[in-house]
Amino acid sequence: GVAISTYAKYCYNKLQKAALTGAKKGLKKPNIEEIRHAKNAVFNPSMFGSSLQDIINMQKERYPDRQLPWVQTRLSEEVLALNGDQTEGIFRVPGDIDEVNALKLQVDQWKIPTGLEDPHVPASLLKLWYRELEEPLIPHEFYEQCITHYENPEAAIAVVHSLPRINKTVLCYLIRFLQVFVQPANVAVTKMDVNNLAMVMAPNCLRCQSDDPRIIFENTRKEMSFIRVLIQHLDTSFMEGVL
């Protein structure tokens, strides 16, 4: 009894996102549960590819008092629970794509399966969640400010505090999380210093809208520098205990 136009609009939006970010399938064929989930997704929106506000609205019934997306905090906690801060190449080495897809399906059903062993799997899914947000974590209208102040800590921090409340809270949680990994004792094991972390995380926070390869190349360096400055200088102590 559902209009075909409802499915058509949903599939068109999915196709547009796939054209931008690529397919996310591994080597295995979809299993029955994945097919069932895909069929119902038009009526049960995913936490992946949605806006931050939509995600907060989705979780209102389950977590009415949370200021942060459950998917963000739960996956971050899982990375640390699996000793990701003591794992070489964390956030650089991809998790097994089929395991990441399986975890994504579970997360969209508000579950984190027990028995996860590889921290690269939740780390990869966490990066994917940031990257697939409907609008970038740092909205487009703030992009020019970011790449203008990419070497100025004071101005960069001012940009963060001017973001919409939900974007600011989610970004500050991410930066506080990354600040765990830049502790010297952790870097000695992970080989992921502040430069490496900024390199892998900047594309998940900022999106250059230019099609000019020269501008994209030049801005990539500035995006990385902006995130590096935040990891090094942003005081995230006010985020302690915020969920």
C-alpha atoms as a PDB file:
ATOM      1  CA  GLY A   1       0.000   0.000   0.000  1.00  0.00           C
ATOM      2  CA  VAL A   2       3.015   2.311  -0.269  1.00  0.00           C
ATOM      3  CA  ALA A   3       3.330   4.661  -3.250  1.00  0.00           C
ATOM      4  CA  ILE A   4       6.103   3.705  -5.662  1.00  0.00           C
ATOM      5  CA  SER A   5       7.255   7.343  -5.549  1.00  0.00           C
ATOM      6  CA  THR A   6       8.216   6.816  -1.869  1.00  0.00           C
ATOM      7  CA  TYR A   7      10.602   4.023  -2.800  1.00  0.00           C
ATOM      8  CA  ALA A   8      11.802   5.876  -5.897  1.00  0.00           C
ATOM      9  CA  LYS A   9      12.749   8.981  -3.904  1.00  0.00           C
ATOM     10  CA  TYR A  10      14.560   6.876  -1.296  1.00  0.00           C
ATOM     11  CA  CYS A  11      16.475   4.884  -3.951  1.00  0.00           C
ATOM     12  CA  TYR A  12      17.394   8.062  -5.835  1.00  0.00           C
ATOM     13  CA  ASN A  13      18.868   9.615  -2.684  1.00  0.00           C
ATOM     14  CA  LYS A  14      20.825   6.422  -1.959  1.00  0.00           C
ATOM     15  CA  LEU A  15      22.146   6.379  -5.534  1.00  0.00           C
ATOM     16  CA  GLN A  16      23.312   9.993  -5.272  1.00  0.00           C
ATOM     17  CA  LYS A  17      25.210   9.198  -2.045  1.00  0.00           C
ATOM     18  CA  ALA A  18      26.764   6.065  -3.582  1.00  0.00           C
ATOM     19  CA  ALA A  19      27.965   8.148  -6.538  1.00  0.00           C
ATOM     20  CA  LEU A  20      29.750  10.492  -4.116  1.00  0.00           C
ATOM     21  CA  THR A  21      31.133   8.065  -1.536  1.00  0.00           C
ATOM     22  CA  GLY A  22      31.281   4.779  -3.463  1.00  0.00           C
ATOM     23  CA  ALA A  23      29.748   1.417  -2.667  1.00  0.00           C
ATOM     24  CA  LYS A  24      30.415  -0.066   0.752  1.00  0.00           C
ATOM     25  CA  LYS A  25      30.084  -3.785   0.055  1.00  0.00           C
ATOM     26  CA  GLY A  26      32.649  -6.476   0.682  1.00  0.00           C
ATOM     27  CA  LEU A  27      33.112  -9.785  -1.092  1.00  0.00           C
ATOM     28  CA  LYS A  28      30.152 -11.581   0.435  1.00  0.00           C
ATOM     29  CA  LYS A  29      26.645 -11.468  -0.998  1.00  0.00           C
ATOM     30  CA  PRO A  30      24.039  -9.744   1.201  1.00  0.00           C
ATOM     31  CA  ASN A  31      22.528 -12.127   3.736  1.00  0.00           C
ATOM     32  CA  ILE A  32      18.805 -12.414   4.469  1.00  0.00           C
ATOM     33  CA  GLU A  33      19.001 -10.042   7.425  1.00  0.00           C
ATOM     34  CA  GLU A  34      20.758  -7.370   5.340  1.00  0.00           C
ATOM     35  CA  ILE A  35      18.128  -7.681   2.594  1.00  0.00           C
ATOM     36  CA  ARG A  36      15.301  -7.433   5.137  1.00  0.00           C
ATOM     37  CA  HIS A  37      16.938  -4.395   6.706  1.00  0.00           C
ATOM     38  CA  ALA A  38      17.375  -2.733   3.305  1.00  0.00           C
ATOM     39  CA  LYS A  39      13.701  -3.313   2.437  1.00  0.00           C
ATOM     40  CA  ASN A  40      12.592  -1.698   5.697  1.00  0.00           C
ATOM     41  CA  ALA A  41      15.110   1.156   5.593  1.00  0.00           C
ATOM     42  CA  VAL A  42      12.705   3.447   3.745  1.00  0.00           C
ATOM     43  CA  PHE A  43      10.438   3.313   6.821  1.00  0.00           C
ATOM     44  CA  ASN A  44      13.220   3.082   9.418  1.00  0.00           C
ATOM     45  CA  PRO A  45      15.861   5.699   8.518  1.00  0.00           C
ATOM     46  CA  SER A  46      19.485   4.740   9.020  1.00  0.00           C
ATOM     47  CA  MET A  47      21.816   6.514  11.435  1.00  0.00           C
ATOM     48  CA  PHE A  48      24.274   6.545   8.528  1.00  0.00           C
ATOM     49  CA  GLY A  49      23.787   9.225   5.895  1.00  0.00           C
ATOM     50  CA  SER A  50      21.331  11.225   8.002  1.00  0.00           C
ATOM     51  CA  SER A  51      21.709  14.696   9.477  1.00  0.00           C
ATOM     52  CA  LEU A  52      22.856  15.135  13.076  1.00  0.00           C
ATOM     53  CA  GLN A  53      19.479  16.552  14.068  1.00  0.00           C
ATOM     54  CA  ASP A  54      17.633  13.633  12.463  1.00  0.00           C
ATOM     55  CA  ILE A  55      19.866  11.182  14.349  1.00  0.00           C
ATOM     56  CA  ILE A  56      19.148  12.932  17.665  1.00  0.00           C
ATOM     57  CA  ASN A  57      15.427  12.787  16.818  1.00  0.00           C
ATOM     58  CA  MET A  58      15.702   9.057  16.027  1.00  0.00           C
ATOM     59  CA  GLN A  59      17.146   8.299  19.456  1.00  0.00           C
ATOM     60  CA  LYS A  60      14.776  10.549  21.458  1.00  0.00           C
ATOM     61  CA  GLU A  61      12.545   7.655  22.481  1.00  0.00           C
ATOM     62  CA  ARG A  62      15.429   5.450  23.624  1.00  0.00           C
ATOM     63  CA  TYR A  63      17.781   8.137  24.935  1.00  0.00           C
ATOM     64  CA  PRO A  64      15.766  11.311  25.592  1.00  0.00           C
ATOM     65  CA  ASP A  65      18.500  12.997  27.653  1.00  0.00           C
ATOM     66  CA  ARG A  66      21.487  12.368  25.378  1.00  0.00           C
ATOM     67  CA  GLN A  67      23.150  15.398  23.796  1.00  0.00           C
ATOM     68  CA  LEU A  68      25.354  13.275  21.549  1.00  0.00           C
ATOM     69  CA  PRO A  69      24.463  10.649  18.940  1.00  0.00           C
ATOM     70  CA  TRP A  70      24.450   7.196  20.529  1.00  0.00           C
ATOM     71  CA  VAL A  71      26.167   5.745  17.459  1.00  0.00           C
ATOM     72  CA  GLN A  72      29.091   8.170  17.896  1.00  0.00           C
ATOM     73  CA  THR A  73      29.693   7.538  21.583  1.00  0.00           C
ATOM     74  CA  ARG A  74      29.050   3.783  21.437  1.00  0.00           C
ATOM     75  CA  LEU A  75      31.474   3.135  18.589  1.00  0.00           C
ATOM     76  CA  SER A  76      34.089   5.406  20.186  1.00  0.00           C
ATOM     77  CA  GLU A  77      33.772   3.491  23.457  1.00  0.00           C
ATOM     78  CA  GLU A  78      34.072   0.201  21.580  1.00  0.00           C
ATOM     79  CA  VAL A  79      37.345   1.290  19.932  1.00  0.00           C
ATOM     80  CA  LEU A  80      38.814   2.023  23.371  1.00  0.00           C
ATOM     81  CA  ALA A  81      37.324  -1.129  24.935  1.00  0.00           C
ATOM     82  CA  LEU A  82      39.195  -3.178  22.309  1.00  0.00           C
ATOM     83  CA  ASN A  83      42.445  -1.333  23.151  1.00  0.00           C
ATOM     84  CA  GLY A  84      42.417   0.720  19.987  1.00  0.00           C
ATOM     85  CA  ASP A  85      44.677   3.239  21.714  1.00  0.00           C
ATOM     86  CA  GLN A  86      47.291   0.459  21.848  1.00  0.00           C
ATOM     87  CA  THR A  87      46.791  -0.820  18.285  1.00  0.00           C
ATOM     88  CA  GLU A  88      49.257   0.014  15.529  1.00  0.00           C
ATOM     89  CA  GLY A  89      47.709   1.952  12.640  1.00  0.00           C
ATOM     90  CA  ILE A  90      44.382   2.617  14.350  1.00  0.00           C
ATOM     91  CA  PHE A  91      42.132   4.741  12.067  1.00  0.00           C
ATOM     92  CA  ARG A  92      44.633   4.218   9.215  1.00  0.00           C
ATOM     93  CA  VAL A  93      44.348   0.443   8.770  1.00  0.00           C
ATOM     94  CA  PRO A  94      40.861  -0.461   7.518  1.00  0.00           C
ATOM     95  CA  GLY A  95      38.802  -3.115   9.231  1.00  0.00           C
ATOM     96  CA  ASP A  96      37.592  -6.136   7.254  1.00  0.00           C
ATOM     97  CA  ILE A  97      34.861  -4.710   4.998  1.00  0.00           C
ATOM     98  CA  ASP A  98      32.440  -7.606   5.587  1.00  0.00           C
ATOM     99  CA  GLU A  99      32.845  -7.302   9.358  1.00  0.00           C
ATOM    100  CA  VAL A 100      32.336  -3.522   9.085  1.00  0.00           C
ATOM    101  CA  ASN A 101      29.148  -4.048   7.044  1.00  0.00           C
ATOM    102  CA  ALA A 102      27.877  -6.600   9.565  1.00  0.00           C
ATOM    103  CA  LEU A 103      28.566  -4.201  12.443  1.00  0.00           C
ATOM    104  CA  LYS A 104      26.824  -1.375  10.575  1.00  0.00           C
ATOM    105  CA  LEU A 105      23.702  -3.524  10.278  1.00  0.00           C
ATOM    106  CA  GLN A 106      23.799  -4.286  14.016  1.00  0.00           C
ATOM    107  CA  VAL A 107      24.361  -0.649  14.983  1.00  0.00           C
ATOM    108  CA  ASP A 108      21.390   0.433  12.877  1.00  0.00           C
ATOM    109  CA  GLN A 109      19.343  -1.924  15.047  1.00  0.00           C
ATOM    110  CA  TRP A 110      20.764  -0.231  18.187  1.00  0.00           C
ATOM    111  CA  LYS A 111      23.012  -3.186  19.031  1.00  0.00           C
ATOM    112  CA  ILE A 112      26.753  -3.614  19.444  1.00  0.00           C
ATOM    113  CA  PRO A 113      27.441  -7.341  19.123  1.00  0.00           C
ATOM    114  CA  THR A 114      29.536  -9.038  21.750  1.00  0.00           C
ATOM    115  CA  GLY A 115      32.606 -10.877  20.597  1.00  0.00           C
ATOM    116  CA  LEU A 116      34.195  -8.083  18.560  1.00  0.00           C
ATOM    117  CA  GLU A 117      37.966  -8.551  18.630  1.00  0.00           C
ATOM    118  CA  ASP A 118      39.485  -6.183  16.079  1.00  0.00           C
ATOM    119  CA  PRO A 119      39.402  -2.473  17.027  1.00  0.00           C
ATOM    120  CA  HIS A 120      39.917  -1.575  13.346  1.00  0.00           C
ATOM    121  CA  VAL A 121      36.305  -2.679  12.677  1.00  0.00           C
ATOM    122  CA  PRO A 122      34.502  -0.169  14.965  1.00  0.00           C
ATOM    123  CA  ALA A 123      37.167   2.438  14.100  1.00  0.00           C
ATOM    124  CA  SER A 124      36.411   2.038  10.376  1.00  0.00           C
ATOM    125  CA  LEU A 125      32.664   2.213  10.982  1.00  0.00           C
ATOM    126  CA  LEU A 126      33.083   5.314  13.140  1.00  0.00           C
ATOM    127  CA  LYS A 127      35.002   7.065  10.344  1.00  0.00           C
ATOM    128  CA  LEU A 128      32.313   5.982   7.892  1.00  0.00           C
ATOM    129  CA  TRP A 129      29.583   7.443  10.115  1.00  0.00           C
ATOM    130  CA  TYR A 130      31.308  10.845  10.187  1.00  0.00           C
ATOM    131  CA  ARG A 131      32.040  10.744   6.473  1.00  0.00           C
ATOM    132  CA  GLU A 132      28.485   9.790   5.482  1.00  0.00           C
ATOM    133  CA  LEU A 133      26.699  12.477   7.503  1.00  0.00           C
ATOM    134  CA  GLU A 134      24.156  14.178   5.267  1.00  0.00           C
ATOM    135  CA  GLU A 135      25.873  17.493   5.927  1.00  0.00           C
ATOM    136  CA  PRO A 136      29.540  17.602   6.953  1.00  0.00           C
ATOM    137  CA  LEU A 137      30.317  17.757  10.664  1.00  0.00           C
ATOM    138  CA  ILE A 138      31.706  21.253  10.077  1.00  0.00           C
ATOM    139  CA  PRO A 139      28.957  22.771   7.871  1.00  0.00           C
ATOM    140  CA  HIS A 140      29.795  24.186   4.452  1.00  0.00           C
ATOM    141  CA  GLU A 141      29.197  27.784   5.530  1.00  0.00           C
ATOM    142  CA  PHE A 142      32.142  27.531   7.975  1.00  0.00           C
ATOM    143  CA  TYR A 143      34.528  25.875   5.496  1.00  0.00           C
ATOM    144  CA  GLU A 144      36.254  29.048   4.282  1.00  0.00           C
ATOM    145  CA  GLN A 145      36.876  30.193   7.863  1.00  0.00           C
ATOM    146  CA  CYS A 146      38.488  26.844   8.641  1.00  0.00           C
ATOM    147  CA  ILE A 147      40.923  26.891   5.744  1.00  0.00           C
ATOM    148  CA  THR A 148      41.673  30.576   6.359  1.00  0.00           C
ATOM    149  CA  HIS A 149      42.593  30.019  10.025  1.00  0.00           C
ATOM    150  CA  TYR A 150      44.270  26.635   9.609  1.00  0.00           C
ATOM    151  CA  GLU A 151      47.453  27.790  11.398  1.00  0.00           C
ATOM    152  CA  ASN A 152      45.931  30.125  13.978  1.00  0.00           C
ATOM    153  CA  PRO A 153      44.853  28.245  17.143  1.00  0.00           C
ATOM    154  CA  GLU A 154      42.880  31.137  18.624  1.00  0.00           C
ATOM    155  CA  ALA A 155      40.929  31.798  15.416  1.00  0.00           C
ATOM    156  CA  ALA A 156      40.407  28.064  14.770  1.00  0.00           C
ATOM    157  CA  ILE A 157      38.959  27.578  18.246  1.00  0.00           C
ATOM    158  CA  ALA A 158      36.702  30.604  17.691  1.00  0.00           C
ATOM    159  CA  VAL A 159      35.311  28.878  14.591  1.00  0.00           C
ATOM    160  CA  VAL A 160      34.468  25.797  16.668  1.00  0.00           C
ATOM    161  CA  HIS A 161      32.622  27.861  19.262  1.00  0.00           C
ATOM    162  CA  SER A 162      30.605  29.600  16.522  1.00  0.00           C
ATOM    163  CA  LEU A 163      29.249  26.302  15.128  1.00  0.00           C
ATOM    164  CA  PRO A 164      25.610  25.313  15.672  1.00  0.00           C
ATOM    165  CA  ARG A 165      25.272  23.729  19.111  1.00  0.00           C
ATOM    166  CA  ILE A 166      24.889  20.127  17.959  1.00  0.00           C
ATOM    167  CA  ASN A 167      27.812  20.358  15.500  1.00  0.00           C
ATOM    168  CA  LYS A 168      29.997  21.944  18.156  1.00  0.00           C
ATOM    169  CA  THR A 169      29.155  19.251  20.721  1.00  0.00           C
ATOM    170  CA  VAL A 170      29.750  16.369  18.297  1.00  0.00           C
ATOM    171  CA  LEU A 171      33.014  17.889  17.008  1.00  0.00           C
ATOM    172  CA  CYS A 172      34.326  18.562  20.520  1.00  0.00           C
ATOM    173  CA  TYR A 173      33.555  14.961  21.520  1.00  0.00           C
ATOM    174  CA  LEU A 174      35.540  13.767  18.489  1.00  0.00           C
ATOM    175  CA  ILE A 175      38.501  16.027  19.284  1.00  0.00           C
ATOM    176  CA  ARG A 176      38.479  14.948  22.951  1.00  0.00           C
ATOM    177  CA  PHE A 177      38.452  11.326  21.749  1.00  0.00           C
ATOM    178  CA  LEU A 178      41.418  11.922  19.408  1.00  0.00           C
ATOM    179  CA  GLN A 179      43.329  13.659  22.197  1.00  0.00           C
ATOM    180  CA  VAL A 180      43.455  10.279  23.946  1.00  0.00           C
ATOM    181  CA  PHE A 181      45.383   8.828  20.994  1.00  0.00           C
ATOM    182  CA  VAL A 182      48.014  11.595  20.832  1.00  0.00           C
ATOM    183  CA  GLN A 183      49.340  10.824  24.312  1.00  0.00           C
ATOM    184  CA  PRO A 184      53.035   9.926  23.795  1.00  0.00           C
ATOM    185  CA  ALA A 185      52.658   6.482  25.386  1.00  0.00           C
ATOM    186  CA  ASN A 186      49.898   5.631  22.902  1.00  0.00           C
ATOM    187  CA  VAL A 187      51.664   7.109  19.851  1.00  0.00           C
ATOM    188  CA  ALA A 188      54.705   4.955  20.638  1.00  0.00           C
ATOM    189  CA  VAL A 189      52.547   1.878  19.983  1.00  0.00           C
ATOM    190  CA  THR A 190      50.001   3.058  17.404  1.00  0.00           C
ATOM    191  CA  LYS A 191      52.488   5.015  15.251  1.00  0.00           C
ATOM    192  CA  MET A 192      49.589   7.465  14.775  1.00  0.00           C
ATOM    193  CA  ASP A 193      50.842  10.882  15.858  1.00  0.00           C
ATOM    194  CA  VAL A 194      48.817  14.094  15.637  1.00  0.00           C
ATOM    195  CA  ASN A 195      49.754  14.580  11.958  1.00  0.00           C
ATOM    196  CA  ASN A 196      48.608  11.083  11.003  1.00  0.00           C
ATOM    197  CA  LEU A 197      45.360  11.405  12.968  1.00  0.00           C
ATOM    198  CA  ALA A 198      44.617  14.785  11.381  1.00  0.00           C
ATOM    199  CA  MET A 199      45.309  13.304   7.938  1.00  0.00           C
ATOM    200  CA  VAL A 200      42.798  10.449   8.317  1.00  0.00           C
ATOM    201  CA  MET A 201      40.150  12.466  10.170  1.00  0.00           C
ATOM    202  CA  ALA A 202      40.060  15.776   8.278  1.00  0.00           C
ATOM    203  CA  PRO A 203      38.129  14.310   5.293  1.00  0.00           C
ATOM    204  CA  ASN A 204      35.469  13.089   7.739  1.00  0.00           C
ATOM    205  CA  CYS A 205      34.934  16.580   9.181  1.00  0.00           C
ATOM    206  CA  LEU A 206      35.350  18.974   6.237  1.00  0.00           C
ATOM    207  CA  ARG A 207      34.212  18.690   2.612  1.00  0.00           C
ATOM    208  CA  CYS A 208      35.663  20.842  -0.131  1.00  0.00           C
ATOM    209  CA  GLN A 209      32.927  21.738  -2.628  1.00  0.00           C
ATOM    210  CA  SER A 210      35.269  22.736  -5.454  1.00  0.00           C
ATOM    211  CA  ASP A 211      35.755  20.466  -8.477  1.00  0.00           C
ATOM    212  CA  ASP A 212      39.128  22.038  -9.293  1.00  0.00           C
ATOM    213  CA  PRO A 213      41.866  19.444  -8.535  1.00  0.00           C
ATOM    214  CA  ARG A 214      44.353  22.218  -7.686  1.00  0.00           C
ATOM    215  CA  ILE A 215      42.021  23.758  -5.097  1.00  0.00           C
ATOM    216  CA  ILE A 216      41.170  20.338  -3.655  1.00  0.00           C
ATOM    217  CA  PHE A 217      44.882  19.486  -3.354  1.00  0.00           C
ATOM    218  CA  GLU A 218      45.770  22.798  -1.724  1.00  0.00           C
ATOM    219  CA  ASN A 219      42.803  22.725   0.639  1.00  0.00           C
ATOM    220  CA  THR A 220      43.500  19.158   1.745  1.00  0.00           C
ATOM    221  CA  ARG A 221      46.679  20.365   3.439  1.00  0.00           C
ATOM    222  CA  LYS A 222      44.800  23.218   5.130  1.00  0.00           C
ATOM    223  CA  GLU A 223      41.989  20.925   6.286  1.00  0.00           C
ATOM    224  CA  MET A 224      44.535  18.594   7.901  1.00  0.00           C
ATOM    225  CA  SER A 225      46.289  21.522   9.569  1.00  0.00           C
ATOM    226  CA  PHE A 226      42.991  22.859  10.945  1.00  0.00           C
ATOM    227  CA  ILE A 227      42.119  19.517  12.578  1.00  0.00           C
ATOM    228  CA  ARG A 228      45.688  19.163  13.876  1.00  0.00           C
ATOM    229  CA  VAL A 229      45.484  22.601  15.515  1.00  0.00           C
ATOM    230  CA  LEU A 230      42.208  21.599  17.228  1.00  0.00           C
ATOM    231  CA  ILE A 231      43.672  18.333  18.540  1.00  0.00           C
ATOM    232  CA  GLN A 232      46.658  20.218  19.920  1.00  0.00           C
ATOM    233  CA  HIS A 233      44.969  23.338  21.311  1.00  0.00           C
ATOM    234  CA  LEU A 234      41.208  22.889  21.840  1.00  0.00           C
ATOM    235  CA  ASP A 235      40.294  22.666  25.542  1.00  0.00           C
ATOM    236  CA  THR A 236      37.698  19.876  25.644  1.00  0.00           C
ATOM    237  CA  SER A 237      37.551  19.530  29.429  1.00  0.00           C
ATOM    238  CA  PHE A 238      33.998  20.906  29.399  1.00  0.00           C
ATOM    239  CA  MET A 239      32.945  17.726  27.550  1.00  0.00           C
ATOM    240  CA  GLU A 240      33.765  15.465  30.482  1.00  0.00           C
ATOM    241  CA  GLY A 241      30.717  13.416  31.341  1.00  0.00           C
ATOM    242  CA  VAL A 242      28.686  14.710  28.384  1.00  0.00           C
ATOM    243  CA  LEU A 243      26.747  11.951  26.580  1.00  0.00           C
END
